[in-house]
Amino acid sequence: MPADVRRADRPRQTRPAFDRVPPLSARPATRAGAGRVLVATFVTLGLTYGFWYSYAVFLVAFLREFGWSRSVVAGAFSLLVMVHGLSGPLLGWLVERFGPRAVIAAGGGVLAGALLLAAHIAAVWHLYVTIGVLAALGVSGAGWVPSVVLIRGWFPASVGTAIGVVSAGIGVGIFALVPFAQLLIDGFGRRWALRALAVLTAVWIIPATLLLVRAAPPAAPAGPPGSPGPAPATSRPHWTLRTVVRTWRFWGTGAVFFAGSAATQMLLVHQVAYLVDHGVP
């Protein structure tokens, strides 16, 4: 048989999937994509929770404009906190169904729309619907749950560090947005302050999420022992919703988070009003 025929009949050998090295040109693109995700999430969390903590400033403005009782105005914030917390399971399902990118963009749109509507409230129920329900859903959609899923997908080997970096955006957002909201209220009034925050939210969160954020690259398959590829995962029990709710660790962790949030949020919403009552301008 001729040599060229033997070579044609010989089965073609391919390298195993785990042994295929992506081209060097793809690696900088992946690093750049991860960096864009990190920056976009950092700023998005700052804007989202910056509004959350700015409510203490708007509470004083609502009291002065409408003359409502402090408990009524603070009640809208309590509803916001409750809706934000209870919507967590729904947000988790939406993230699994549509991906974190779509959920964050939709949440930014809902939050911007809620702030625009809040600029035109004239009754207590308006406040509870726009801030307590719609803004809470917007914060949930653009906030913590989808952001953690997004960051975990992009930084599987350094998820703790990456989440620490983006969560610092919350502190930066509070530091910048709360005094900014107060300056807007003093200079242009409560209505225009809410409109400005709505525009800022829409202009950043929606375009940044759609243009800068991409789905996380697929995880590299594990190689055989001794290969340079990722090591196979160790054998660990697989937690499901049914199994986790039966453990005291789950309920204990939940109780700690509930108590901590209740104590801090209960004081947070009244801080600015307290300072005003004691003569701080």
Protein backbone atom coordinates (compact mmCIF):
# COMPACT_ATOMS: atom_id res chain seq x y z
CA MET A 1 0.00 0.00 0.00
CA PRO A 2 1.42 3.43 -0.86
CA ALA A 3 2.68 5.53 2.05
CA ASP A 4 0.33 8.40 1.30
CA VAL A 5 -2.70 6.07 1.50
CA ARG A 6 -1.51 4.65 4.83
CA ARG A 7 -1.20 8.17 6.22
CA ALA A 8 -4.72 9.04 5.02
CA ASP A 9 -6.22 5.93 6.63
CA ARG A 10 -4.44 6.45 9.92
CA PRO A 11 -6.83 7.93 12.56
CA ARG A 12 -6.06 11.48 13.36
CA GLN A 13 -4.84 12.07 16.92
CA THR A 14 -6.08 15.16 18.68
CA ARG A 15 -4.83 16.68 21.89
CA PRO A 16 -7.08 16.23 24.92
CA ALA A 17 -9.29 19.20 25.73
CA PHE A 18 -7.50 19.86 28.99
CA ASP A 19 -4.17 20.03 27.18
CA ARG A 20 -5.22 22.68 24.69
CA VAL A 21 -3.71 26.01 25.58
CA PRO A 22 -5.67 29.08 24.47
CA PRO A 23 -3.80 31.43 22.19
CA LEU A 24 -1.86 34.20 23.86
CA SER A 25 -3.99 36.80 22.10
CA ALA A 26 -7.07 35.58 24.01
CA ARG A 27 -5.50 35.95 27.44
CA PRO A 28 -5.19 39.75 27.53
CA ALA A 29 -8.79 39.99 26.29
CA THR A 30 -9.93 37.80 29.18
CA ARG A 31 -7.97 39.88 31.70
CA ALA A 32 -9.37 43.08 30.21
CA GLY A 33 -12.90 41.67 30.41
CA ALA A 34 -12.40 40.75 34.05
CA GLY A 35 -11.10 44.23 34.79
CA ARG A 36 -14.11 45.84 33.12
CA VAL A 37 -16.46 43.63 35.13
CA LEU A 38 -14.66 44.61 38.33
CA VAL A 39 -14.89 48.35 37.61
CA ALA A 40 -18.49 48.22 36.41
CA THR A 41 -19.63 46.26 39.46
CA PHE A 42 -17.69 48.53 41.83
CA VAL A 43 -19.43 51.67 40.52
CA THR A 44 -22.84 50.00 40.17
CA LEU A 45 -22.84 48.86 43.79
CA GLY A 46 -21.72 52.34 44.86
CA LEU A 47 -24.64 53.99 43.07
CA THR A 48 -27.18 51.39 44.13
CA TYR A 49 -26.42 51.35 47.84
CA GLY A 50 -25.42 54.99 47.83
CA PHE A 51 -29.07 55.78 47.20
CA TRP A 52 -30.05 53.31 49.94
CA TYR A 53 -28.02 55.19 52.53
CA SER A 54 -29.09 58.57 51.12
CA TYR A 55 -32.65 57.93 52.25
CA ALA A 56 -31.77 59.35 55.66
CA VAL A 57 -31.19 62.69 53.92
CA PHE A 58 -34.44 62.49 51.96
CA LEU A 59 -36.32 61.58 55.14
CA VAL A 60 -35.69 65.08 56.51
CA ALA A 61 -36.78 66.61 53.20
CA PHE A 62 -40.02 64.61 53.23
CA LEU A 63 -40.74 65.66 56.82
CA ARG A 64 -40.27 69.32 55.99
CA GLU A 65 -42.27 69.25 52.76
CA PHE A 66 -45.28 67.18 53.77
CA GLY A 67 -45.35 67.38 57.56
CA TRP A 68 -45.82 63.63 57.90
CA SER A 69 -44.83 61.89 61.11
CA ARG A 70 -41.33 60.51 61.35
CA SER A 71 -42.60 56.99 61.85
CA VAL A 72 -44.62 57.16 58.61
CA VAL A 73 -41.65 58.31 56.52
CA ALA A 74 -39.29 55.83 58.19
CA GLY A 75 -41.85 53.10 57.55
CA ALA A 76 -41.22 53.38 53.81
CA PHE A 77 -37.54 52.65 54.46
CA SER A 78 -38.50 49.67 56.61
CA LEU A 79 -40.60 48.36 53.74
CA LEU A 80 -37.65 48.88 51.38
CA VAL A 81 -35.40 46.81 53.62
CA MET A 82 -37.99 44.03 53.93
CA VAL A 83 -38.72 43.84 50.19
CA HIS A 84 -35.00 43.90 49.44
CA GLY A 85 -34.40 40.97 51.78
CA LEU A 86 -37.42 38.88 50.82
CA SER A 87 -36.76 39.28 47.12
CA GLY A 88 -33.42 37.46 47.45
CA PRO A 89 -34.73 34.00 46.49
CA LEU A 90 -36.55 35.45 43.48
CA LEU A 91 -33.40 37.28 42.40
CA GLY A 92 -31.41 34.07 42.70
CA TRP A 93 -33.86 32.28 40.42
CA LEU A 94 -33.80 35.13 37.89
CA VAL A 95 -30.01 35.11 37.85
CA GLU A 96 -29.97 31.37 37.18
CA ARG A 97 -32.57 31.78 34.44
CA PHE A 98 -31.36 34.91 32.63
CA GLY A 99 -27.85 35.52 33.96
CA PRO A 100 -26.55 38.31 36.24
CA ARG A 101 -25.93 40.75 33.37
CA ALA A 102 -29.59 40.95 32.35
CA VAL A 103 -30.79 41.13 35.96
CA ILE A 104 -28.41 43.97 36.87
CA ALA A 105 -29.39 46.01 33.80
CA ALA A 106 -33.10 45.48 34.50
CA GLY A 107 -32.61 46.37 38.16
CA GLY A 108 -30.89 49.60 37.19
CA GLY A 109 -33.82 50.50 34.96
CA VAL A 110 -36.35 49.75 37.70
CA LEU A 111 -34.38 51.79 40.24
CA ALA A 112 -34.08 54.77 37.89
CA GLY A 113 -37.81 54.65 37.15
CA ALA A 114 -38.65 54.42 40.85
CA LEU A 115 -36.54 57.50 41.62
CA LEU A 116 -38.24 59.46 38.83
CA LEU A 117 -41.65 58.50 40.19
CA ALA A 118 -40.57 59.36 43.74
CA ALA A 119 -39.84 62.91 42.57
CA HIS A 120 -43.60 63.37 42.01
CA ILE A 121 -45.09 61.79 45.12
CA ALA A 122 -47.95 63.62 46.83
CA ALA A 123 -49.33 61.03 49.26
CA VAL A 124 -48.03 58.51 51.74
CA TRP A 125 -48.96 55.54 49.59
CA HIS A 126 -46.97 57.04 46.74
CA LEU A 127 -43.91 57.00 48.98
CA TYR A 128 -44.46 53.40 50.02
CA VAL A 129 -44.98 52.17 46.46
CA THR A 130 -42.11 54.07 44.81
CA ILE A 131 -39.49 53.79 47.55
CA GLY A 132 -40.68 50.86 49.63
CA VAL A 133 -41.48 48.50 46.73
CA LEU A 134 -40.16 49.67 43.34
CA ALA A 135 -36.86 51.14 44.53
CA ALA A 136 -36.31 48.07 46.72
CA LEU A 137 -36.77 45.77 43.72
CA GLY A 138 -34.40 47.94 41.70
CA VAL A 139 -31.75 47.82 44.40
CA SER A 140 -32.15 44.05 44.66
CA GLY A 141 -31.83 43.60 40.91
CA ALA A 142 -28.77 45.81 40.52
CA GLY A 143 -27.29 44.97 43.89
CA TRP A 144 -25.62 42.26 45.87
CA VAL A 145 -27.04 38.90 44.77
CA PRO A 146 -26.42 39.14 40.99
CA SER A 147 -23.12 40.94 41.58
CA VAL A 148 -21.78 38.10 43.73
CA VAL A 149 -22.78 35.54 41.10
CA LEU A 150 -21.15 37.62 38.37
CA ILE A 151 -17.89 38.10 40.27
CA ARG A 152 -17.72 34.47 41.32
CA GLY A 153 -17.93 33.42 37.68
CA TRP A 154 -15.16 35.76 36.55
CA PHE A 155 -12.80 35.19 39.50
CA PRO A 156 -13.22 31.55 40.58
CA ALA A 157 -9.67 31.34 41.96
CA SER A 158 -9.78 34.65 43.89
CA VAL A 159 -13.45 35.15 44.58
CA GLY A 160 -12.89 36.50 48.10
CA THR A 161 -10.48 39.20 46.97
CA ALA A 162 -12.65 40.19 44.02
CA ILE A 163 -15.80 40.46 46.13
CA GLY A 164 -13.86 42.51 48.67
CA VAL A 165 -12.82 44.92 45.93
CA VAL A 166 -16.29 45.43 44.47
CA SER A 167 -17.95 45.62 47.89
CA ALA A 168 -15.64 48.53 48.69
CA GLY A 169 -17.68 50.37 46.07
CA ILE A 170 -20.56 50.42 48.53
CA GLY A 171 -18.48 52.38 51.04
CA VAL A 172 -17.20 54.73 48.36
CA GLY A 173 -20.75 55.23 47.09
CA ILE A 174 -22.01 56.09 50.55
CA PHE A 175 -19.13 58.48 51.11
CA ALA A 176 -19.79 60.27 47.81
CA LEU A 177 -23.53 60.01 47.20
CA VAL A 178 -24.96 60.93 50.61
CA PRO A 179 -23.36 64.41 50.76
CA PHE A 180 -24.01 64.81 47.03
CA ALA A 181 -27.72 64.17 47.62
CA GLN A 182 -27.72 66.73 50.43
CA LEU A 183 -26.07 69.31 48.15
CA LEU A 184 -28.69 68.65 45.47
CA ILE A 185 -31.53 69.02 47.98
CA ASP A 186 -30.11 72.27 49.34
CA GLY A 187 -29.46 73.71 45.91
CA PHE A 188 -32.37 72.45 43.78
CA GLY A 189 -34.90 70.82 46.11
CA ARG A 190 -35.94 67.28 46.85
CA ARG A 191 -37.66 66.66 43.52
CA TRP A 192 -34.71 67.63 41.34
CA ALA A 193 -32.35 65.72 43.61
CA LEU A 194 -34.32 62.52 42.98
CA ARG A 195 -34.43 63.24 39.25
CA ALA A 196 -30.67 63.75 39.18
CA LEU A 197 -30.06 60.45 40.99
CA ALA A 198 -32.42 58.71 38.58
CA VAL A 199 -30.53 60.04 35.57
CA LEU A 200 -27.18 59.15 37.13
CA THR A 201 -28.38 55.63 37.84
CA ALA A 202 -29.79 55.10 34.35
CA VAL A 203 -26.82 56.65 32.57
CA TRP A 204 -24.31 54.41 34.34
CA ILE A 205 -25.88 51.09 35.33
CA ILE A 206 -27.70 50.18 32.13
CA PRO A 207 -25.01 51.12 29.55
CA ALA A 208 -22.12 49.93 31.72
CA THR A 209 -23.75 46.57 32.32
CA LEU A 210 -24.66 46.03 28.67
CA LEU A 211 -21.40 47.35 27.18
CA LEU A 212 -18.72 46.47 29.75
CA VAL A 213 -20.03 43.31 31.40
CA ARG A 214 -19.93 39.98 29.62
CA ALA A 215 -20.78 36.46 30.69
CA ALA A 216 -17.98 34.76 32.57
CA PRO A 217 -15.74 32.49 30.47
CA PRO A 218 -16.38 28.76 30.95
CA ALA A 219 -14.26 27.07 33.58
CA ALA A 220 -11.35 25.04 32.26
CA PRO A 221 -11.95 21.27 32.52
CA ALA A 222 -9.88 19.39 35.01
CA GLY A 223 -6.89 17.42 33.74
CA PRO A 224 -5.61 14.03 34.83
CA PRO A 225 -3.29 13.67 37.81
CA GLY A 226 0.11 15.16 37.12
CA SER A 227 -1.10 17.39 34.27
CA PRO A 228 -0.53 21.16 34.37
CA GLY A 229 -4.27 21.81 34.14
CA PRO A 230 -6.63 22.54 37.04
CA ALA A 231 -6.75 19.92 39.72
CA PRO A 232 -9.98 17.93 40.03
CA ALA A 233 -12.38 19.07 42.68
CA THR A 234 -12.18 17.31 46.00
CA SER A 235 -15.07 15.15 47.08
CA ARG A 236 -17.43 17.22 49.21
CA PRO A 237 -21.10 16.82 50.10
CA HIS A 238 -23.34 18.66 47.67
CA TRP A 239 -25.59 21.18 49.41
CA THR A 240 -29.11 21.66 48.13
CA LEU A 241 -31.88 23.93 49.37
CA ARG A 242 -33.59 20.98 50.98
CA THR A 243 -30.49 19.86 52.86
CA VAL A 244 -29.26 23.30 53.89
CA VAL A 245 -32.52 24.38 55.54
CA ARG A 246 -32.22 21.38 57.85
CA THR A 247 -28.92 22.51 59.35
CA TRP A 248 -28.53 24.78 62.35
CA ARG A 249 -25.62 26.54 60.63
CA PHE A 250 -27.93 27.96 57.98
CA TRP A 251 -30.44 29.30 60.49
CA GLY A 252 -27.71 30.50 62.83
CA THR A 253 -26.03 32.47 60.04
CA GLY A 254 -29.38 33.87 58.98
CA ALA A 255 -30.16 34.95 62.53
CA VAL A 256 -26.80 36.73 62.83
CA PHE A 257 -27.35 38.62 59.57
CA PHE A 258 -30.92 39.50 60.56
CA ALA A 259 -29.93 40.83 63.96
CA GLY A 260 -27.00 42.80 62.58
CA SER A 261 -29.03 44.37 59.79
CA ALA A 262 -31.96 45.17 62.07
CA ALA A 263 -29.70 46.97 64.54
CA THR A 264 -27.79 48.99 61.95
CA GLN A 265 -30.67 49.86 59.60
CA MET A 266 -32.93 50.83 62.49
CA LEU A 267 -30.43 53.50 63.56
CA LEU A 268 -29.25 54.46 60.10
CA VAL A 269 -32.49 55.92 58.81
CA HIS A 270 -32.79 58.34 61.76
CA GLN A 271 -29.20 59.58 61.92
CA VAL A 272 -29.60 62.72 59.83
CA ALA A 273 -32.89 63.66 61.51
CA TYR A 274 -31.26 63.19 64.90
CA LEU A 275 -28.43 65.55 63.98
CA VAL A 276 -30.90 68.14 62.67
CA ASP A 277 -32.89 67.91 65.93
CA HIS A 278 -29.69 68.74 67.81
CA GLY A 279 -28.86 71.80 65.79
CA VAL A 280 -26.49 70.36 63.20
CA PRO A 281 -27.28 72.14 59.90
